[in-house]
Amino acid sequence: MTTIWDELDFFTARERWGVSKLISGYLLLSLDLIRAEIDTPIIIIKAYATSGHATNSLHYHGLAVDFYCPNISPREATKRIIK
């Protein structure tokens, strides 16, 4: 059976997503496209969560992700992402 994870080039369900099956497919595809465009690794800190975020956090719905790019500054990552 094919899943959204099979469609991704840069991410796997084994990363720190929280409960990987509860992550939005749109979020996963978007992150994969962003990763291809910025041409540097994206390290996932957390996506789906059950606590630790604001009351109405999109993390609780699998619609948000915390990440960093180890090879570039946050400013450079932001520039590349919004380019």
Protein backbone atom coordinates (compact mmCIF):
# COMPACT_ATOMS: atom_id res chain seq x y z
CA MET A 1 0.00 0.00 0.00
CA THR A 2 1.40 3.39 -1.01
CA THR A 3 1.35 6.22 1.52
CA ILE A 4 2.21 9.91 1.37
CA TRP A 5 5.62 9.01 2.77
CA ASP A 6 6.40 7.10 -0.43
CA GLU A 7 5.95 10.33 -2.41
CA LEU A 8 8.59 12.29 -0.48
CA ASP A 9 12.18 12.73 -1.60
CA PHE A 10 13.73 14.17 1.58
CA PHE A 11 11.76 12.97 4.61
CA THR A 12 10.75 9.68 6.20
CA ALA A 13 8.23 8.70 8.85
CA ARG A 14 11.15 7.78 11.14
CA GLU A 15 12.05 11.42 11.83
CA ARG A 16 10.83 13.35 14.88
CA TRP A 17 7.33 14.04 13.63
CA GLY A 18 5.53 12.90 16.76
CA VAL A 19 2.86 10.50 15.51
CA SER A 20 3.86 10.40 11.85
CA LYS A 21 0.53 9.08 10.58
CA LEU A 22 -1.21 12.18 12.00
CA ILE A 23 0.85 14.70 10.01
CA SER A 24 -1.00 16.48 7.21
CA GLY A 25 -0.08 15.20 3.78
CA TYR A 26 -0.17 18.78 2.50
CA LEU A 27 2.34 19.81 5.16
CA LEU A 28 4.63 16.92 4.24
CA LEU A 29 4.49 17.66 0.51
CA SER A 30 5.06 21.37 1.17
CA LEU A 31 8.11 20.67 3.33
CA ASP A 32 9.49 18.32 0.69
CA LEU A 33 9.11 21.02 -1.98
CA ILE A 34 10.69 23.63 0.29
CA ARG A 35 13.60 21.31 1.01
CA ALA A 36 14.19 20.86 -2.72
CA GLU A 37 14.10 24.62 -3.31
CA ILE A 38 16.37 25.74 -0.47
CA ASP A 39 18.98 23.08 -1.29
CA THR A 40 20.01 22.38 2.31
CA PRO A 41 18.88 19.80 4.89
CA ILE A 42 15.88 20.48 7.11
CA ILE A 43 16.01 18.84 10.54
CA ILE A 44 12.62 18.15 12.10
CA ILE A 45 12.33 18.92 15.80
CA LYS A 46 8.62 18.17 16.21
CA ALA A 47 5.44 18.25 14.18
CA TYR A 48 2.44 16.49 15.71
CA ALA A 49 2.29 17.14 19.45
CA THR A 50 -0.15 16.57 22.29
CA SER A 51 1.34 19.15 24.65
CA GLY A 52 4.00 21.83 24.96
CA HIS A 53 2.56 24.37 22.54
CA ALA A 54 -0.02 27.17 22.70
CA THR A 55 -3.60 26.16 23.48
CA ASN A 56 -4.79 26.30 19.88
CA SER A 57 -1.51 25.20 18.28
CA LEU A 58 -1.70 23.66 14.84
CA HIS A 59 0.79 21.06 16.12
CA TYR A 60 -2.17 19.37 17.83
CA HIS A 61 -3.74 18.82 14.40
CA GLY A 62 -0.60 17.75 12.52
CA LEU A 63 -0.54 21.07 10.64
CA ALA A 64 2.67 22.64 11.99
CA VAL A 65 6.31 21.70 12.25
CA ASP A 66 9.32 22.99 14.18
CA PHE A 67 12.55 22.63 12.24
CA TYR A 68 15.97 24.10 11.60
CA CYS A 69 18.50 24.07 8.80
CA PRO A 70 21.92 23.16 10.23
CA ASN A 71 24.00 24.51 7.36
CA ILE A 72 22.56 28.02 7.13
CA SER A 73 21.40 30.74 9.52
CA PRO A 74 17.70 31.17 10.36
CA ARG A 75 17.77 34.44 8.40
CA GLU A 76 19.19 32.73 5.29
CA ALA A 77 16.70 29.85 5.62
CA THR A 78 13.83 32.33 5.77
CA LYS A 79 15.13 34.19 2.71
CA ARG A 80 15.37 30.97 0.73
CA ILE A 81 11.96 29.73 1.82
CA ILE A 82 10.06 32.92 0.96
CA LYS A 83 11.99 33.50 -2.26
